[in-house]
Amino acid sequence: MDGTVAAIEITPVCEEVMKLLPLLFFYLVFESEPKEMPAAAIAIAVGFATFENVCYLTENGAAIQICNYSNAQ
């Protein structure tokens, strides 16, 4: 198995499972009502999306934008 296959087939499954674990933890530990689950799922999704965006910007985008901005002036 090469890296491309892992990136296309395995990584998305692992990522989605990692997104499910906090929701399962919330449900099992706090014994929440089913009507509370959508709000928790949305909060977890927003947290993951924010984390991914910050990671992307710190690795790629922010440095490029800062360099382009400083060179333009």
C-alpha atoms as a PDB file:
ATOM      1  CA  MET A   1       0.000   0.000   0.000  1.00  0.00           C
ATOM      2  CA  ASP A   2       1.483   3.314  -1.007  1.00  0.00           C
ATOM      3  CA  GLY A   3       0.917   6.768   0.424  1.00  0.00           C
ATOM      4  CA  THR A   4      -1.603   7.767  -2.201  1.00  0.00           C
ATOM      5  CA  VAL A   5      -3.909   4.859  -1.421  1.00  0.00           C
ATOM      6  CA  ALA A   6      -3.643   5.609   2.298  1.00  0.00           C
ATOM      7  CA  ALA A   7      -4.418   9.286   1.709  1.00  0.00           C
ATOM      8  CA  ILE A   8      -7.445   8.506  -0.446  1.00  0.00           C
ATOM      9  CA  GLU A   9      -8.963   5.488   1.310  1.00  0.00           C
ATOM     10  CA  ILE A  10      -7.797   5.329   4.922  1.00  0.00           C
ATOM     11  CA  THR A  11      -7.308   8.927   6.056  1.00  0.00           C
ATOM     12  CA  PRO A  12     -10.929  10.101   5.519  1.00  0.00           C
ATOM     13  CA  VAL A  13     -12.284   7.126   7.473  1.00  0.00           C
ATOM     14  CA  CYS A  14      -9.903   7.793  10.364  1.00  0.00           C
ATOM     15  CA  GLU A  15     -10.787  11.480  10.336  1.00  0.00           C
ATOM     16  CA  GLU A  16     -14.518  10.832  10.509  1.00  0.00           C
ATOM     17  CA  VAL A  17     -14.069   8.296  13.314  1.00  0.00           C
ATOM     18  CA  MET A  18     -12.018  10.861  15.232  1.00  0.00           C
ATOM     19  CA  LYS A  19     -14.889  13.332  14.822  1.00  0.00           C
ATOM     20  CA  LEU A  20     -17.355  10.754  16.157  1.00  0.00           C
ATOM     21  CA  LEU A  21     -15.392   9.918  19.317  1.00  0.00           C
ATOM     22  CA  PRO A  22     -16.033  13.219  21.183  1.00  0.00           C
ATOM     23  CA  LEU A  23     -19.749  12.903  20.428  1.00  0.00           C
ATOM     24  CA  LEU A  24     -19.793   9.343  21.736  1.00  0.00           C
ATOM     25  CA  PHE A  25     -17.869  10.472  24.817  1.00  0.00           C
ATOM     26  CA  PHE A  26     -20.386  13.263  25.421  1.00  0.00           C
ATOM     27  CA  TYR A  27     -23.306  10.883  25.031  1.00  0.00           C
ATOM     28  CA  LEU A  28     -21.907   8.090  27.224  1.00  0.00           C
ATOM     29  CA  VAL A  29     -20.302  10.109  30.009  1.00  0.00           C
ATOM     30  CA  PHE A  30     -22.872  12.856  30.455  1.00  0.00           C
ATOM     31  CA  GLU A  31     -25.888  10.661  29.610  1.00  0.00           C
ATOM     32  CA  SER A  32     -27.410  13.476  27.603  1.00  0.00           C
ATOM     33  CA  GLU A  33     -30.891  13.541  26.167  1.00  0.00           C
ATOM     34  CA  PRO A  34     -31.192  12.783  22.444  1.00  0.00           C
ATOM     35  CA  LYS A  35     -32.456  16.331  21.835  1.00  0.00           C
ATOM     36  CA  GLU A  36     -29.105  17.698  23.105  1.00  0.00           C
ATOM     37  CA  MET A  37     -27.077  15.723  20.554  1.00  0.00           C
ATOM     38  CA  PRO A  38     -27.490  18.034  17.510  1.00  0.00           C
ATOM     39  CA  ALA A  39     -26.101  21.014  19.440  1.00  0.00           C
ATOM     40  CA  ALA A  40     -23.154  18.943  20.653  1.00  0.00           C
ATOM     41  CA  ALA A  41     -22.515  17.620  17.144  1.00  0.00           C
ATOM     42  CA  ILE A  42     -22.525  21.139  15.712  1.00  0.00           C
ATOM     43  CA  ALA A  43     -20.160  22.382  18.420  1.00  0.00           C
ATOM     44  CA  ILE A  44     -17.768  19.504  17.759  1.00  0.00           C
ATOM     45  CA  ALA A  45     -17.928  20.073  13.995  1.00  0.00           C
ATOM     46  CA  VAL A  46     -17.175  23.780  14.385  1.00  0.00           C
ATOM     47  CA  GLY A  47     -14.270  22.961  16.693  1.00  0.00           C
ATOM     48  CA  PHE A  48     -12.751  20.498  14.233  1.00  0.00           C
ATOM     49  CA  ALA A  49     -13.219  22.872  11.295  1.00  0.00           C
ATOM     50  CA  THR A  50     -11.595  25.729  13.204  1.00  0.00           C
ATOM     51  CA  PHE A  51      -8.674  23.509  14.214  1.00  0.00           C
ATOM     52  CA  GLU A  52      -8.156  22.336  10.623  1.00  0.00           C
ATOM     53  CA  ASN A  53      -8.257  25.892   9.297  1.00  0.00           C
ATOM     54  CA  VAL A  54      -5.777  27.149  11.882  1.00  0.00           C
ATOM     55  CA  CYS A  55      -3.433  24.247  11.105  1.00  0.00           C
ATOM     56  CA  TYR A  56      -3.667  24.960   7.397  1.00  0.00           C
ATOM     57  CA  LEU A  57      -3.047  28.669   7.840  1.00  0.00           C
ATOM     58  CA  THR A  58      -0.071  28.185  10.124  1.00  0.00           C
ATOM     59  CA  GLU A  59       1.505  25.663   7.767  1.00  0.00           C
ATOM     60  CA  ASN A  60       0.675  27.228   4.396  1.00  0.00           C
ATOM     61  CA  GLY A  61      -1.662  30.107   3.942  1.00  0.00           C
ATOM     62  CA  ALA A  62      -0.833  32.639   6.626  1.00  0.00           C
ATOM     63  CA  ALA A  63       2.880  32.753   5.850  1.00  0.00           C
ATOM     64  CA  ILE A  64       2.193  33.249   2.150  1.00  0.00           C
ATOM     65  CA  GLN A  65      -0.336  35.997   2.797  1.00  0.00           C
ATOM     66  CA  ILE A  66       1.943  37.797   5.249  1.00  0.00           C
ATOM     67  CA  CYS A  67       4.863  37.651   2.779  1.00  0.00           C
ATOM     68  CA  ASN A  68       2.694  38.890  -0.077  1.00  0.00           C
ATOM     69  CA  TYR A  69       1.327  41.719   2.047  1.00  0.00           C
ATOM     70  CA  SER A  70       4.759  42.879   3.233  1.00  0.00           C
ATOM     71  CA  ASN A  71       6.233  42.692  -0.291  1.00  0.00           C
ATOM     72  CA  ALA A  72       3.374  44.711  -1.752  1.00  0.00           C
ATOM     73  CA  GLN A  73       4.048  47.727   0.468  1.00  0.00           C
END
